[in-house]
Amino acid sequence: MKIDNALVDHLARLSKLEFEESETERIKKDLQGIVDLVEQLEEVDVTGVEPLIYMSEERNVLRKDFVQGEISREEALQNAPQRDSDYYKVPKVISK
């Protein structure tokens, strides 16, 4: 696959990006390198190779979860710059 200016312009339009001419040349070169690498990988014979799902034989190794260091609601709110009974008071950031 050959990467040209039309393809880079099309990808830029789809991703809502704008590039200068010097950037377009660098992006063409980078994209061509990626495509070349994928084409090289497609040539590898993987007949009989099982797909890799996990990096090791271990599955779902989870740590024990336990509660520690609880604090009361009053302790949690003591450093709040503003509060309203049991809640933090914050500036409104969404307008109608």
PDB file of N, CA and C in Angstrom:
ATOM      1  N   MET A   1       0.852  -1.175   0.000  1.00  0.00           N
ATOM      2  CA  MET A   1       0.000   0.000   0.000  1.00  0.00           C
ATOM      3  C   MET A   1       0.894   1.232   0.000  1.00  0.00           C
ATOM      4  N   LYS A   2       0.585   2.154  -0.859  1.00  0.00           N
ATOM      5  CA  LYS A   2       1.375   3.374  -0.977  1.00  0.00           C
ATOM      6  C   LYS A   2       0.629   4.515  -0.282  1.00  0.00           C
ATOM      7  N   ILE A   3       1.328   5.218   0.574  1.00  0.00           N
ATOM      8  CA  ILE A   3       0.752   6.357   1.285  1.00  0.00           C
ATOM      9  C   ILE A   3       1.012   7.612   0.461  1.00  0.00           C
ATOM     10  N   ASP A   4      -0.059   8.334   0.120  1.00  0.00           N
ATOM     11  CA  ASP A   4       0.104   9.573  -0.637  1.00  0.00           C
ATOM     12  C   ASP A   4      -0.586  10.733   0.084  1.00  0.00           C
ATOM     13  N   ASN A   5      -0.455  11.931  -0.483  1.00  0.00           N
ATOM     14  CA  ASN A   5      -1.033  13.125   0.139  1.00  0.00           C
ATOM     15  C   ASN A   5      -2.547  13.027   0.284  1.00  0.00           C
ATOM     16  N   ALA A   6      -3.203  12.408  -0.691  1.00  0.00           N
ATOM     17  CA  ALA A   6      -4.663  12.278  -0.643  1.00  0.00           C
ATOM     18  C   ALA A   6      -5.088  11.441   0.562  1.00  0.00           C
ATOM     19  N   LEU A   7      -4.363  10.351   0.828  1.00  0.00           N
ATOM     20  CA  LEU A   7      -4.694   9.502   1.967  1.00  0.00           C
ATOM     21  C   LEU A   7      -4.459  10.245   3.282  1.00  0.00           C
ATOM     22  N   VAL A   8      -3.341  10.960   3.378  1.00  0.00           N
ATOM     23  CA  VAL A   8      -3.055  11.723   4.596  1.00  0.00           C
ATOM     24  C   VAL A   8      -4.118  12.802   4.802  1.00  0.00           C
ATOM     25  N   ASP A   9      -4.516  13.479   3.732  1.00  0.00           N
ATOM     26  CA  ASP A   9      -5.574  14.491   3.836  1.00  0.00           C
ATOM     27  C   ASP A   9      -6.891  13.875   4.279  1.00  0.00           C
ATOM     28  N   HIS A  10      -7.199  12.698   3.737  1.00  0.00           N
ATOM     29  CA  HIS A  10      -8.433  12.002   4.105  1.00  0.00           C
ATOM     30  C   HIS A  10      -8.410  11.615   5.592  1.00  0.00           C
ATOM     31  N   LEU A  11      -7.289  11.049   6.051  1.00  0.00           N
ATOM     32  CA  LEU A  11      -7.166  10.674   7.462  1.00  0.00           C
ATOM     33  C   LEU A  11      -7.225  11.900   8.366  1.00  0.00           C
ATOM     34  N   ALA A  12      -6.624  12.989   7.933  1.00  0.00           N
ATOM     35  CA  ALA A  12      -6.661  14.236   8.715  1.00  0.00           C
ATOM     36  C   ALA A  12      -8.098  14.739   8.833  1.00  0.00           C
ATOM     37  N   ARG A  13      -8.846  14.676   7.724  1.00  0.00           N
ATOM     38  CA  ARG A  13     -10.237  15.120   7.751  1.00  0.00           C
ATOM     39  C   ARG A  13     -11.076  14.236   8.671  1.00  0.00           C
ATOM     40  N   LEU A  14     -10.865  12.909   8.615  1.00  0.00           N
ATOM     41  CA  LEU A  14     -11.609  11.993   9.479  1.00  0.00           C
ATOM     42  C   LEU A  14     -11.293  12.218  10.956  1.00  0.00           C
ATOM     43  N   SER A  15     -10.039  12.525  11.244  1.00  0.00           N
ATOM     44  CA  SER A  15      -9.628  12.720  12.643  1.00  0.00           C
ATOM     45  C   SER A  15      -9.720  14.174  13.077  1.00  0.00           C
ATOM     46  N   LYS A  16     -10.221  15.029  12.170  1.00  0.00           N
ATOM     47  CA  LYS A  16     -10.396  16.455  12.455  1.00  0.00           C
ATOM     48  C   LYS A  16      -9.092  17.113  12.902  1.00  0.00           C
ATOM     49  N   LEU A  17      -8.033  16.794  12.147  1.00  0.00           N
ATOM     50  CA  LEU A  17      -6.715  17.380  12.398  1.00  0.00           C
ATOM     51  C   LEU A  17      -6.305  18.211  11.195  1.00  0.00           C
ATOM     52  N   GLU A  18      -5.425  19.169  11.443  1.00  0.00           N
ATOM     53  CA  GLU A  18      -4.879  19.966  10.356  1.00  0.00           C
ATOM     54  C   GLU A  18      -3.364  19.877  10.425  1.00  0.00           C
ATOM     55  N   PHE A  19      -2.739  19.673   9.266  1.00  0.00           N
ATOM     56  CA  PHE A  19      -1.287  19.552   9.193  1.00  0.00           C
ATOM     57  C   PHE A  19      -0.729  20.587   8.235  1.00  0.00           C
ATOM     58  N   GLU A  20       0.446  21.062   8.553  1.00  0.00           N
ATOM     59  CA  GLU A  20       1.171  21.905   7.608  1.00  0.00           C
ATOM     60  C   GLU A  20       1.869  20.988   6.607  1.00  0.00           C
ATOM     61  N   GLU A  21       2.354  21.562   5.502  1.00  0.00           N
ATOM     62  CA  GLU A  21       2.974  20.759   4.451  1.00  0.00           C
ATOM     63  C   GLU A  21       4.168  19.959   4.964  1.00  0.00           C
ATOM     64  N   SER A  22       4.981  20.562   5.831  1.00  0.00           N
ATOM     65  CA  SER A  22       6.151  19.851   6.362  1.00  0.00           C
ATOM     66  C   SER A  22       5.728  18.686   7.248  1.00  0.00           C
ATOM     67  N   GLU A  23       4.639  18.869   7.982  1.00  0.00           N
ATOM     68  CA  GLU A  23       4.132  17.783   8.829  1.00  0.00           C
ATOM     69  C   GLU A  23       3.559  16.655   7.982  1.00  0.00           C
ATOM     70  N   THR A  24       2.914  16.993   6.891  1.00  0.00           N
ATOM     71  CA  THR A  24       2.320  15.995   6.011  1.00  0.00           C
ATOM     72  C   THR A  24       3.393  15.047   5.479  1.00  0.00           C
ATOM     73  N   GLU A  25       4.541  15.583   5.098  1.00  0.00           N
ATOM     74  CA  GLU A  25       5.618  14.736   4.594  1.00  0.00           C
ATOM     75  C   GLU A  25       6.121  13.779   5.667  1.00  0.00           C
ATOM     76  N   ARG A  26       6.263  14.279   6.900  1.00  0.00           N
ATOM     77  CA  ARG A  26       6.729  13.421   7.991  1.00  0.00           C
ATOM     78  C   ARG A  26       5.686  12.344   8.307  1.00  0.00           C
ATOM     79  N   ILE A  27       4.425  12.712   8.296  1.00  0.00           N
ATOM     80  CA  ILE A  27       3.347  11.761   8.579  1.00  0.00           C
ATOM     81  C   ILE A  27       3.287  10.694   7.485  1.00  0.00           C
ATOM     82  N   LYS A  28       3.461  11.100   6.218  1.00  0.00           N
ATOM     83  CA  LYS A  28       3.491  10.123   5.121  1.00  0.00           C
ATOM     84  C   LYS A  28       4.597   9.106   5.349  1.00  0.00           C
ATOM     85  N   LYS A  29       5.764   9.588   5.730  1.00  0.00           N
ATOM     86  CA  LYS A  29       6.904   8.703   5.963  1.00  0.00           C
ATOM     87  C   LYS A  29       6.614   7.747   7.121  1.00  0.00           C
ATOM     88  N   ASP A  30       6.052   8.278   8.230  1.00  0.00           N
ATOM     89  CA  ASP A  30       5.746   7.441   9.394  1.00  0.00           C
ATOM     90  C   ASP A  30       4.677   6.397   9.059  1.00  0.00           C
ATOM     91  N   LEU A  31       3.614   6.815   8.373  1.00  0.00           N
ATOM     92  CA  LEU A  31       2.554   5.874   8.003  1.00  0.00           C
ATOM     93  C   LEU A  31       3.075   4.797   7.062  1.00  0.00           C
ATOM     94  N   GLN A  32       3.944   5.178   6.120  1.00  0.00           N
ATOM     95  CA  GLN A  32       4.506   4.196   5.200  1.00  0.00           C
ATOM     96  C   GLN A  32       5.345   3.177   5.956  1.00  0.00           C
ATOM     97  N   GLY A  33       6.079   3.637   6.978  1.00  0.00           N
ATOM     98  CA  GLY A  33       6.860   2.718   7.803  1.00  0.00           C
ATOM     99  C   GLY A  33       5.972   1.735   8.537  1.00  0.00           C
ATOM    100  N   ILE A  34       4.841   2.201   9.045  1.00  0.00           N
ATOM    101  CA  ILE A  34       3.900   1.326   9.752  1.00  0.00           C
ATOM    102  C   ILE A  34       3.308   0.300   8.782  1.00  0.00           C
ATOM    103  N   VAL A  35       2.887   0.759   7.618  1.00  0.00           N
ATOM    104  CA  VAL A  35       2.306  -0.147   6.622  1.00  0.00           C
ATOM    105  C   VAL A  35       3.341  -1.181   6.189  1.00  0.00           C
ATOM    106  N   ASP A  36       4.579  -0.748   5.973  1.00  0.00           N
ATOM    107  CA  ASP A  36       5.639  -1.693   5.577  1.00  0.00           C
ATOM    108  C   ASP A  36       5.860  -2.752   6.648  1.00  0.00           C
ATOM    109  N   LEU A  37       5.828  -2.349   7.908  1.00  0.00           N
ATOM    110  CA  LEU A  37       6.012  -3.295   9.005  1.00  0.00           C
ATOM    111  C   LEU A  37       4.867  -4.312   9.042  1.00  0.00           C
ATOM    112  N   VAL A  38       3.653  -3.846   8.869  1.00  0.00           N
ATOM    113  CA  VAL A  38       2.500  -4.759   8.867  1.00  0.00           C
ATOM    114  C   VAL A  38       2.590  -5.722   7.693  1.00  0.00           C
ATOM    115  N   GLU A  39       2.983  -5.223   6.532  1.00  0.00           N
ATOM    116  CA  GLU A  39       3.143  -6.108   5.368  1.00  0.00           C
ATOM    117  C   GLU A  39       4.225  -7.152   5.619  1.00  0.00           C
ATOM    118  N   GLN A  40       5.282  -6.757   6.300  1.00  0.00           N
ATOM    119  CA  GLN A  40       6.353  -7.704   6.636  1.00  0.00           C
ATOM    120  C   GLN A  40       5.833  -8.762   7.608  1.00  0.00           C
ATOM    121  N   LEU A  41       5.018  -8.352   8.581  1.00  0.00           N
ATOM    122  CA  LEU A  41       4.453  -9.301   9.540  1.00  0.00           C
ATOM    123  C   LEU A  41       3.491 -10.282   8.859  1.00  0.00           C
ATOM    124  N   GLU A  42       2.793  -9.818   7.837  1.00  0.00           N
ATOM    125  CA  GLU A  42       1.855 -10.687   7.123  1.00  0.00           C
ATOM    126  C   GLU A  42       2.568 -11.826   6.405  1.00  0.00           C
ATOM    127  N   GLU A  43       3.855 -11.675   6.125  1.00  0.00           N
ATOM    128  CA  GLU A  43       4.616 -12.707   5.424  1.00  0.00           C
ATOM    129  C   GLU A  43       5.053 -13.845   6.348  1.00  0.00           C
ATOM    130  N   VAL A  44       4.965 -13.659   7.651  1.00  0.00           N
ATOM    131  CA  VAL A  44       5.416 -14.673   8.604  1.00  0.00           C
ATOM    132  C   VAL A  44       4.435 -15.838   8.616  1.00  0.00           C
ATOM    133  N   ASP A  45       4.956 -17.047   8.528  1.00  0.00           N
ATOM    134  CA  ASP A  45       4.134 -18.255   8.548  1.00  0.00           C
ATOM    135  C   ASP A  45       3.791 -18.594  10.003  1.00  0.00           C
ATOM    136  N   VAL A  46       2.529 -18.504  10.353  1.00  0.00           N
ATOM    137  CA  VAL A  46       2.087 -18.788  11.723  1.00  0.00           C
ATOM    138  C   VAL A  46       1.229 -20.051  11.780  1.00  0.00           C
ATOM    139  N   THR A  47       1.384 -20.907  10.806  1.00  0.00           N
ATOM    140  CA  THR A  47       0.637 -22.159  10.769  1.00  0.00           C
ATOM    141  C   THR A  47       0.964 -22.980  12.016  1.00  0.00           C
ATOM    142  N   GLY A  48      -0.062 -23.381  12.727  1.00  0.00           N
ATOM    143  CA  GLY A  48       0.116 -24.211  13.912  1.00  0.00           C
ATOM    144  C   GLY A  48       0.464 -23.445  15.180  1.00  0.00           C
ATOM    145  N   VAL A  49       0.554 -22.134  15.109  1.00  0.00           N
ATOM    146  CA  VAL A  49       0.868 -21.333  16.296  1.00  0.00           C
ATOM    147  C   VAL A  49      -0.444 -20.912  16.952  1.00  0.00           C
ATOM    148  N   GLU A  50      -0.600 -21.268  18.221  1.00  0.00           N
ATOM    149  CA  GLU A  50      -1.808 -20.908  18.952  1.00  0.00           C
ATOM    150  C   GLU A  50      -1.795 -19.414  19.282  1.00  0.00           C
ATOM    151  N   PRO A  51      -2.933 -18.754  19.209  1.00  0.00           N
ATOM    152  CA  PRO A  51      -2.984 -17.336  19.573  1.00  0.00           C
ATOM    153  C   PRO A  51      -2.628 -17.149  21.048  1.00  0.00           C
ATOM    154  N   LEU A  52      -1.915 -16.086  21.336  1.00  0.00           N
ATOM    155  CA  LEU A  52      -1.518 -15.776  22.701  1.00  0.00           C
ATOM    156  C   LEU A  52      -2.608 -14.932  23.342  1.00  0.00           C
ATOM    157  N   ILE A  53      -3.181 -15.448  24.420  1.00  0.00           N
ATOM    158  CA  ILE A  53      -4.225 -14.711  25.121  1.00  0.00           C
ATOM    159  C   ILE A  53      -3.658 -14.077  26.382  1.00  0.00           C
ATOM    160  N   TYR A  54      -2.873 -14.839  27.132  1.00  0.00           N
ATOM    161  CA  TYR A  54      -2.270 -14.353  28.370  1.00  0.00           C
ATOM    162  C   TYR A  54      -0.751 -14.439  28.249  1.00  0.00           C
ATOM    163  N   MET A  55      -0.054 -13.531  28.905  1.00  0.00           N
ATOM    164  CA  MET A  55       1.406 -13.524  28.850  1.00  0.00           C
ATOM    165  C   MET A  55       2.013 -14.613  29.726  1.00  0.00           C
ATOM    166  N   SER A  56       1.258 -15.126  30.679  1.00  0.00           N
ATOM    167  CA  SER A  56       1.754 -16.203  31.527  1.00  0.00           C
ATOM    168  C   SER A  56       0.624 -17.198  31.751  1.00  0.00           C
ATOM    169  N   GLU A  57       0.939 -18.272  32.439  1.00  0.00           N
ATOM    170  CA  GLU A  57      -0.075 -19.294  32.715  1.00  0.00           C
ATOM    171  C   GLU A  57      -1.009 -18.877  33.850  1.00  0.00           C
ATOM    172  N   GLU A  58      -0.602 -17.881  34.621  1.00  0.00           N
ATOM    173  CA  GLU A  58      -1.426 -17.399  35.733  1.00  0.00           C
ATOM    174  C   GLU A  58      -2.652 -16.674  35.182  1.00  0.00           C
ATOM    175  N   ARG A  59      -3.796 -16.878  35.829  1.00  0.00           N
ATOM    176  CA  ARG A  59      -5.015 -16.204  35.397  1.00  0.00           C
ATOM    177  C   ARG A  59      -5.717 -15.606  36.610  1.00  0.00           C
ATOM    178  N   ASN A  60      -6.213 -14.406  36.428  1.00  0.00           N
ATOM    179  CA  ASN A  60      -6.982 -13.717  37.464  1.00  0.00           C
ATOM    180  C   ASN A  60      -6.285 -13.742  38.821  1.00  0.00           C
ATOM    181  N   VAL A  61      -5.043 -13.331  38.848  1.00  0.00           N
ATOM    182  CA  VAL A  61      -4.313 -13.254  40.106  1.00  0.00           C
ATOM    183  C   VAL A  61      -4.698 -11.945  40.766  1.00  0.00           C
ATOM    184  N   LEU A  62      -5.490 -12.042  41.813  1.00  0.00           N
ATOM    185  CA  LEU A  62      -5.983 -10.856  42.497  1.00  0.00           C
ATOM    186  C   LEU A  62      -5.476 -10.844  43.931  1.00  0.00           C
ATOM    187  N   ARG A  63      -5.255  -9.657  44.445  1.00  0.00           N
ATOM    188  CA  ARG A  63      -4.825  -9.539  45.839  1.00  0.00           C
ATOM    189  C   ARG A  63      -6.050  -9.606  46.743  1.00  0.00           C
ATOM    190  N   LYS A  64      -5.824  -9.974  47.971  1.00  0.00           N
ATOM    191  CA  LYS A  64      -6.895  -9.973  48.957  1.00  0.00           C
ATOM    192  C   LYS A  64      -7.279  -8.519  49.227  1.00  0.00           C
ATOM    193  N   ASP A  65      -8.554  -8.248  49.251  1.00  0.00           N
ATOM    194  CA  ASP A  65      -9.032  -6.897  49.484  1.00  0.00           C
ATOM    195  C   ASP A  65      -9.577  -6.815  50.901  1.00  0.00           C
ATOM    196  N   PHE A  66      -9.092  -5.836  51.639  1.00  0.00           N
ATOM    197  CA  PHE A  66      -9.588  -5.657  52.995  1.00  0.00           C
ATOM    198  C   PHE A  66      -9.603  -4.182  53.327  1.00  0.00           C
ATOM    199  N   VAL A  67     -10.485  -3.795  54.233  1.00  0.00           N
ATOM    200  CA  VAL A  67     -10.660  -2.399  54.627  1.00  0.00           C
ATOM    201  C   VAL A  67      -9.616  -2.058  55.669  1.00  0.00           C
ATOM    202  N   GLN A  68      -8.976  -0.913  55.481  1.00  0.00           N
ATOM    203  CA  GLN A  68      -8.025  -0.463  56.493  1.00  0.00           C
ATOM    204  C   GLN A  68      -8.019   1.058  56.490  1.00  0.00           C
ATOM    205  N   GLY A  69      -7.732   1.626  57.603  1.00  0.00           N
ATOM    206  CA  GLY A  69      -7.611   3.070  57.702  1.00  0.00           C
ATOM    207  C   GLY A  69      -8.894   3.836  57.449  1.00  0.00           C
ATOM    208  N   GLU A  70      -9.992   3.388  57.993  1.00  0.00           N
ATOM    209  CA  GLU A  70     -11.247   4.108  57.820  1.00  0.00           C
ATOM    210  C   GLU A  70     -11.200   5.434  58.551  1.00  0.00           C
ATOM    211  N   ILE A  71     -11.858   6.438  57.966  1.00  0.00           N
ATOM    212  CA  ILE A  71     -12.003   7.712  58.666  1.00  0.00           C
ATOM    213  C   ILE A  71     -13.486   8.067  58.705  1.00  0.00           C
ATOM    214  N   SER A  72     -13.839   8.865  59.660  1.00  0.00           N
ATOM    215  CA  SER A  72     -15.247   9.245  59.793  1.00  0.00           C
ATOM    216  C   SER A  72     -15.601  10.309  58.756  1.00  0.00           C
ATOM    217  N   ARG A  73     -16.878  10.516  58.562  1.00  0.00           N
ATOM    218  CA  ARG A  73     -17.348  11.537  57.626  1.00  0.00           C
ATOM    219  C   ARG A  73     -16.850  12.910  58.055  1.00  0.00           C
ATOM    220  N   GLU A  74     -16.874  13.166  59.337  1.00  0.00           N
ATOM    221  CA  GLU A  74     -16.423  14.457  59.854  1.00  0.00           C
ATOM    222  C   GLU A  74     -14.931  14.670  59.571  1.00  0.00           C
ATOM    223  N   GLU A  75     -14.130  13.632  59.734  1.00  0.00           N
ATOM    224  CA  GLU A  75     -12.693  13.745  59.433  1.00  0.00           C
ATOM    225  C   GLU A  75     -12.463  13.988  57.938  1.00  0.00           C
ATOM    226  N   ALA A  76     -13.267  13.340  57.103  1.00  0.00           N
ATOM    227  CA  ALA A  76     -13.125  13.503  55.658  1.00  0.00           C
ATOM    228  C   ALA A  76     -13.475  14.917  55.221  1.00  0.00           C
ATOM    229  N   LEU A  77     -14.419  15.542  55.907  1.00  0.00           N
ATOM    230  CA  LEU A  77     -14.882  16.880  55.518  1.00  0.00           C
ATOM    231  C   LEU A  77     -14.144  18.010  56.222  1.00  0.00           C
ATOM    232  N   GLN A  78     -13.266  17.700  57.161  1.00  0.00           N
ATOM    233  CA  GLN A  78     -12.675  18.771  57.966  1.00  0.00           C
ATOM    234  C   GLN A  78     -11.784  19.725  57.156  1.00  0.00           C
ATOM    235  N   ASN A  79     -11.195  19.276  56.067  1.00  0.00           N
ATOM    236  CA  ASN A  79     -10.349  20.146  55.248  1.00  0.00           C
ATOM    237  C   ASN A  79     -11.054  20.688  54.011  1.00  0.00           C
ATOM    238  N   ALA A  80     -12.337  20.454  53.890  1.00  0.00           N
ATOM    239  CA  ALA A  80     -13.083  20.946  52.735  1.00  0.00           C
ATOM    240  C   ALA A  80     -13.155  22.469  52.791  1.00  0.00           C
ATOM    241  N   PRO A  81     -12.829  23.149  51.688  1.00  0.00           N
ATOM    242  CA  PRO A  81     -12.916  24.613  51.691  1.00  0.00           C
ATOM    243  C   PRO A  81     -14.336  25.093  51.962  1.00  0.00           C
ATOM    244  N   GLN A  82     -15.316  24.397  51.381  1.00  0.00           N
ATOM    245  CA  GLN A  82     -16.726  24.699  51.636  1.00  0.00           C
ATOM    246  C   GLN A  82     -17.472  23.376  51.724  1.00  0.00           C
ATOM    247  N   ARG A  83     -18.453  23.349  52.587  1.00  0.00           N
ATOM    248  CA  ARG A  83     -19.248  22.134  52.682  1.00  0.00           C
ATOM    249  C   ARG A  83     -20.675  22.474  53.035  1.00  0.00           C
ATOM    250  N   ASP A  84     -21.561  21.544  52.739  1.00  0.00           N
ATOM    251  CA  ASP A  84     -22.983  21.704  53.007  1.00  0.00           C
ATOM    252  C   ASP A  84     -23.417  20.449  53.741  1.00  0.00           C
ATOM    253  N   SER A  85     -23.545  20.519  55.014  1.00  0.00           N
ATOM    254  CA  SER A  85     -23.831  19.408  55.920  1.00  0.00           C
ATOM    255  C   SER A  85     -22.863  18.247  55.688  1.00  0.00           C
ATOM    256  N   ASP A  86     -23.271  17.218  54.949  1.00  0.00           N
ATOM    257  CA  ASP A  86     -22.434  16.026  54.768  1.00  0.00           C
ATOM    258  C   ASP A  86     -21.743  15.971  53.403  1.00  0.00           C
ATOM    259  N   TYR A  87     -21.720  17.079  52.651  1.00  0.00           N
ATOM    260  CA  TYR A  87     -21.202  17.044  51.289  1.00  0.00           C
ATOM    261  C   TYR A  87     -20.188  18.159  51.046  1.00  0.00           C
ATOM    262  N   TYR A  88     -19.259  17.899  50.115  1.00  0.00           N
ATOM    263  CA  TYR A  88     -18.368  18.951  49.641  1.00  0.00           C
ATOM    264  C   TYR A  88     -19.165  19.920  48.783  1.00  0.00           C
ATOM    265  N   LYS A  89     -18.895  21.190  48.898  1.00  0.00           N
ATOM    266  CA  LYS A  89     -19.543  22.187  48.073  1.00  0.00           C
ATOM    267  C   LYS A  89     -18.527  22.640  47.040  1.00  0.00           C
ATOM    268  N   VAL A  90     -18.867  22.531  45.769  1.00  0.00           N
ATOM    269  CA  VAL A  90     -17.961  22.900  44.698  1.00  0.00           C
ATOM    270  C   VAL A  90     -18.634  23.889  43.750  1.00  0.00           C
ATOM    271  N   PRO A  91     -17.845  24.672  43.026  1.00  0.00           N
ATOM    272  CA  PRO A  91     -18.445  25.618  42.089  1.00  0.00           C
ATOM    273  C   PRO A  91     -19.190  24.895  40.961  1.00  0.00           C
ATOM    274  N   LYS A  92     -20.231  25.512  40.476  1.00  0.00           N
ATOM    275  CA  LYS A  92     -21.009  24.958  39.377  1.00  0.00           C
ATOM    276  C   LYS A  92     -20.173  25.030  38.101  1.00  0.00           C
ATOM    277  N   VAL A  93     -20.077  23.937  37.372  1.00  0.00           N
ATOM    278  CA  VAL A  93     -19.269  23.910  36.161  1.00  0.00           C
ATOM    279  C   VAL A  93     -20.107  23.605  34.912  1.00  0.00           C
ATOM    280  N   ILE A  94     -21.358  23.270  35.081  1.00  0.00           N
ATOM    281  CA  ILE A  94     -22.230  22.951  33.961  1.00  0.00           C
ATOM    282  C   ILE A  94     -23.350  23.963  33.923  1.00  0.00           C
ATOM    283  N   SER A  95     -23.542  24.593  32.766  1.00  0.00           N
ATOM    284  CA  SER A  95     -24.624  25.554  32.644  1.00  0.00           C
ATOM    285  C   SER A  95     -25.752  24.953  31.815  1.00  0.00           C
ATOM    286  N   LYS A  96     -26.928  25.510  31.957  1.00  0.00           N
ATOM    287  CA  LYS A  96     -28.090  25.009  31.216  1.00  0.00           C
ATOM    288  C   LYS A  96     -28.121  25.548  29.827  1.00  0.00           C
TER     289      LYS A  96
END
